[in-house]
Amino acid sequence: QVQLVESGGGLVQAGGCLRLSCAASGSIFSINTMGWYRQAPGKERELVATFSSDGSTYYADSVKGRFTISRDNAKNTLYLQMNSLKPEDTAMYYCAHSPYSAYRPGAPFSSWGQGTQVTVSS
């Protein structure tokens, strides 16, 4: 079981930026897809971005061009750089670990962090 701990959330004004981090335990970090989800109050959880073991990435349309996902396998850490933040980006952001090396749309992620809150004020 992979353990994930997110950090980096906070309160920021619209147009600002934040970088989220996700520290993962376990030596299998580099061979699996990792991702970021978010969930706003009263809304369903939304996949934001994924980073597969071959370096390929996926972004939700709502964040393309503004968010960048990256990973440092040596540090077992996943990042999400969020620029040009909007109030609609306000949500709890979760790091997730997939049992697959490549992103599979619709396939469930197997491990989750506790989340870090991002609040964007207008």
C-alpha atoms as a PDB file:
ATOM      1  CA  GLN A   1       0.000   0.000   0.000  1.00  0.00           C
ATOM      2  CA  VAL A   2       1.373   3.379  -1.019  1.00  0.00           C
ATOM      3  CA  GLN A   3       1.013   6.219   1.467  1.00  0.00           C
ATOM      4  CA  LEU A   4       0.564   9.710   0.091  1.00  0.00           C
ATOM      5  CA  VAL A   5       0.882  13.045   1.891  1.00  0.00           C
ATOM      6  CA  GLU A   6      -0.092  16.276   0.148  1.00  0.00           C
ATOM      7  CA  SER A   7       1.086  19.771   1.001  1.00  0.00           C
ATOM      8  CA  GLY A   8       1.208  23.242  -0.497  1.00  0.00           C
ATOM      9  CA  GLY A   9      -2.416  24.285  -0.444  1.00  0.00           C
ATOM     10  CA  GLY A  10      -3.578  27.633   0.844  1.00  0.00           C
ATOM     11  CA  LEU A  11      -5.453  30.831   0.154  1.00  0.00           C
ATOM     12  CA  VAL A  12      -4.493  32.817  -2.919  1.00  0.00           C
ATOM     13  CA  GLN A  13      -6.022  35.632  -4.942  1.00  0.00           C
ATOM     14  CA  ALA A  14      -7.341  35.055  -8.429  1.00  0.00           C
ATOM     15  CA  GLY A  15      -4.484  35.141 -10.909  1.00  0.00           C
ATOM     16  CA  GLY A  16      -2.030  33.840  -8.362  1.00  0.00           C
ATOM     17  CA  CYS A  17      -0.198  30.559  -8.228  1.00  0.00           C
ATOM     18  CA  LEU A  18       0.463  27.639  -5.926  1.00  0.00           C
ATOM     19  CA  ARG A  19       2.537  24.484  -6.116  1.00  0.00           C
ATOM     20  CA  LEU A  20       1.180  21.339  -4.546  1.00  0.00           C
ATOM     21  CA  SER A  21       3.430  18.493  -3.510  1.00  0.00           C
ATOM     22  CA  CYS A  22       2.670  14.854  -2.814  1.00  0.00           C
ATOM     23  CA  ALA A  23       5.217  12.760  -0.972  1.00  0.00           C
ATOM     24  CA  ALA A  24       4.818   9.037  -1.597  1.00  0.00           C
ATOM     25  CA  SER A  25       6.176   6.070   0.280  1.00  0.00           C
ATOM     26  CA  GLY A  26       7.136   2.877  -1.452  1.00  0.00           C
ATOM     27  CA  SER A  27       9.660   1.938  -4.105  1.00  0.00           C
ATOM     28  CA  ILE A  28       7.075   1.446  -6.841  1.00  0.00           C
ATOM     29  CA  PHE A  29       6.433   5.157  -7.231  1.00  0.00           C
ATOM     30  CA  SER A  30       8.346   5.463 -10.497  1.00  0.00           C
ATOM     31  CA  ILE A  31       6.559   2.650 -12.337  1.00  0.00           C
ATOM     32  CA  ASN A  32       2.993   3.748 -11.762  1.00  0.00           C
ATOM     33  CA  THR A  33       0.733   6.504 -12.917  1.00  0.00           C
ATOM     34  CA  MET A  34       0.157   9.272 -10.407  1.00  0.00           C
ATOM     35  CA  GLY A  35      -2.568  11.854 -10.509  1.00  0.00           C
ATOM     36  CA  TRP A  36      -4.239  14.835  -8.923  1.00  0.00           C
ATOM     37  CA  TYR A  37      -7.962  15.009  -8.285  1.00  0.00           C
ATOM     38  CA  ARG A  38     -10.021  17.783  -6.769  1.00  0.00           C
ATOM     39  CA  GLN A  39     -13.416  18.049  -5.159  1.00  0.00           C
ATOM     40  CA  ALA A  40     -15.322  21.235  -4.486  1.00  0.00           C
ATOM     41  CA  PRO A  41     -18.162  21.377  -1.958  1.00  0.00           C
ATOM     42  CA  GLY A  42     -21.320  19.910  -3.427  1.00  0.00           C
ATOM     43  CA  LYS A  43     -19.558  18.689  -6.551  1.00  0.00           C
ATOM     44  CA  GLU A  44     -18.233  15.363  -7.742  1.00  0.00           C
ATOM     45  CA  ARG A  45     -14.575  14.548  -7.582  1.00  0.00           C
ATOM     46  CA  GLU A  46     -12.798  15.638 -10.749  1.00  0.00           C
ATOM     47  CA  LEU A  47      -9.612  14.299 -12.295  1.00  0.00           C
ATOM     48  CA  VAL A  48      -7.248  17.227 -12.808  1.00  0.00           C
ATOM     49  CA  ALA A  49      -4.071  15.708 -14.226  1.00  0.00           C
ATOM     50  CA  THR A  50      -2.069  12.504 -14.470  1.00  0.00           C
ATOM     51  CA  PHE A  51       1.580  11.627 -15.017  1.00  0.00           C
ATOM     52  CA  SER A  52       2.339   8.167 -16.341  1.00  0.00           C
ATOM     53  CA  SER A  53       5.548   6.187 -15.967  1.00  0.00           C
ATOM     54  CA  ASP A  54       6.551   6.920 -19.578  1.00  0.00           C
ATOM     55  CA  GLY A  55       6.304  10.658 -18.963  1.00  0.00           C
ATOM     56  CA  SER A  56       3.017  11.190 -20.739  1.00  0.00           C
ATOM     57  CA  THR A  57       0.528  13.527 -19.127  1.00  0.00           C
ATOM     58  CA  TYR A  58      -3.190  14.158 -19.137  1.00  0.00           C
ATOM     59  CA  TYR A  59      -4.971  17.370 -18.184  1.00  0.00           C
ATOM     60  CA  ALA A  60      -8.610  18.194 -17.718  1.00  0.00           C
ATOM     61  CA  ASP A  61      -9.784  20.811 -20.191  1.00  0.00           C
ATOM     62  CA  SER A  62     -10.522  23.182 -17.343  1.00  0.00           C
ATOM     63  CA  VAL A  63      -6.841  23.391 -16.339  1.00  0.00           C
ATOM     64  CA  LYS A  64      -4.980  22.984 -19.640  1.00  0.00           C
ATOM     65  CA  GLY A  65      -2.453  25.725 -20.162  1.00  0.00           C
ATOM     66  CA  ARG A  66      -2.573  26.765 -16.494  1.00  0.00           C
ATOM     67  CA  PHE A  67      -1.553  23.678 -14.505  1.00  0.00           C
ATOM     68  CA  THR A  68       1.554  21.541 -14.904  1.00  0.00           C
ATOM     69  CA  ILE A  69       2.026  18.109 -13.370  1.00  0.00           C
ATOM     70  CA  SER A  70       5.496  16.760 -12.769  1.00  0.00           C
ATOM     71  CA  ARG A  71       7.242  14.138 -10.687  1.00  0.00           C
ATOM     72  CA  ASP A  72      10.654  13.596  -9.145  1.00  0.00           C
ATOM     73  CA  ASN A  73      11.171   9.847  -8.956  1.00  0.00           C
ATOM     74  CA  ALA A  74      14.350  10.209  -6.900  1.00  0.00           C
ATOM     75  CA  LYS A  75      12.355  12.026  -4.237  1.00  0.00           C
ATOM     76  CA  ASN A  76       9.151   9.978  -4.666  1.00  0.00           C
ATOM     77  CA  THR A  77       7.304  13.251  -5.041  1.00  0.00           C
ATOM     78  CA  LEU A  78       4.552  14.409  -7.355  1.00  0.00           C
ATOM     79  CA  TYR A  79       3.910  18.086  -8.015  1.00  0.00           C
ATOM     80  CA  LEU A  80       1.141  20.231  -9.407  1.00  0.00           C
ATOM     81  CA  GLN A  81       2.116  23.747 -10.433  1.00  0.00           C
ATOM     82  CA  MET A  82      -1.024  25.861 -10.628  1.00  0.00           C
ATOM     83  CA  ASN A  83      -0.846  29.229 -12.359  1.00  0.00           C
ATOM     84  CA  SER A  84      -3.492  31.808 -13.252  1.00  0.00           C
ATOM     85  CA  LEU A  85      -5.737  30.435 -10.551  1.00  0.00           C
ATOM     86  CA  LYS A  86      -9.455  31.116 -10.725  1.00  0.00           C
ATOM     87  CA  PRO A  87     -12.113  31.060  -8.006  1.00  0.00           C
ATOM     88  CA  GLU A  88     -13.554  27.951  -9.657  1.00  0.00           C
ATOM     89  CA  ASP A  89     -10.292  26.145  -8.877  1.00  0.00           C
ATOM     90  CA  THR A  90     -11.236  26.258  -5.192  1.00  0.00           C
ATOM     91  CA  ALA A  91     -11.390  22.679  -3.945  1.00  0.00           C
ATOM     92  CA  MET A  92      -9.731  20.021  -1.868  1.00  0.00           C
ATOM     93  CA  TYR A  93      -6.928  18.578  -3.955  1.00  0.00           C
ATOM     94  CA  TYR A  94      -5.991  14.923  -3.622  1.00  0.00           C
ATOM     95  CA  CYS A  95      -2.964  13.011  -4.780  1.00  0.00           C
ATOM     96  CA  ALA A  96      -3.672   9.525  -6.101  1.00  0.00           C
ATOM     97  CA  HIS A  97      -1.676   6.469  -7.063  1.00  0.00           C
ATOM     98  CA  SER A  98      -2.712   4.089  -9.847  1.00  0.00           C
ATOM     99  CA  PRO A  99      -1.822   0.399 -10.060  1.00  0.00           C
ATOM    100  CA  TYR A 100      -1.157   0.904 -13.777  1.00  0.00           C
ATOM    101  CA  SER A 101       1.937   2.240 -15.490  1.00  0.00           C
ATOM    102  CA  ALA A 102      -0.137   4.163 -18.022  1.00  0.00           C
ATOM    103  CA  TYR A 103      -3.196   6.323 -17.488  1.00  0.00           C
ATOM    104  CA  ARG A 104      -6.397   4.406 -18.179  1.00  0.00           C
ATOM    105  CA  PRO A 105      -9.480   6.600 -18.434  1.00  0.00           C
ATOM    106  CA  GLY A 106     -12.107   5.386 -16.034  1.00  0.00           C
ATOM    107  CA  ALA A 107      -9.819   3.012 -14.162  1.00  0.00           C
ATOM    108  CA  PRO A 108      -9.838   3.634 -10.408  1.00  0.00           C
ATOM    109  CA  PHE A 109      -6.807   4.850  -8.536  1.00  0.00           C
ATOM    110  CA  SER A 110      -5.828   2.579  -5.673  1.00  0.00           C
ATOM    111  CA  SER A 111      -4.341   4.892  -3.045  1.00  0.00           C
ATOM    112  CA  TRP A 112      -5.274   8.389  -1.948  1.00  0.00           C
ATOM    113  CA  GLY A 113      -3.857  11.117   0.227  1.00  0.00           C
ATOM    114  CA  GLN A 114      -5.797  13.114   2.778  1.00  0.00           C
ATOM    115  CA  GLY A 115      -5.955  16.182   0.591  1.00  0.00           C
ATOM    116  CA  THR A 116      -4.835  19.789   0.737  1.00  0.00           C
ATOM    117  CA  GLN A 117      -7.242  22.710   0.518  1.00  0.00           C
ATOM    118  CA  VAL A 118      -6.865  25.311  -2.209  1.00  0.00           C
ATOM    119  CA  THR A 119      -8.968  28.458  -1.929  1.00  0.00           C
ATOM    120  CA  VAL A 120      -8.904  31.133  -4.619  1.00  0.00           C
ATOM    121  CA  SER A 121     -10.484  34.460  -3.745  1.00  0.00           C
ATOM    122  CA  SER A 122     -11.926  36.775  -6.367  1.00  0.00           C
END
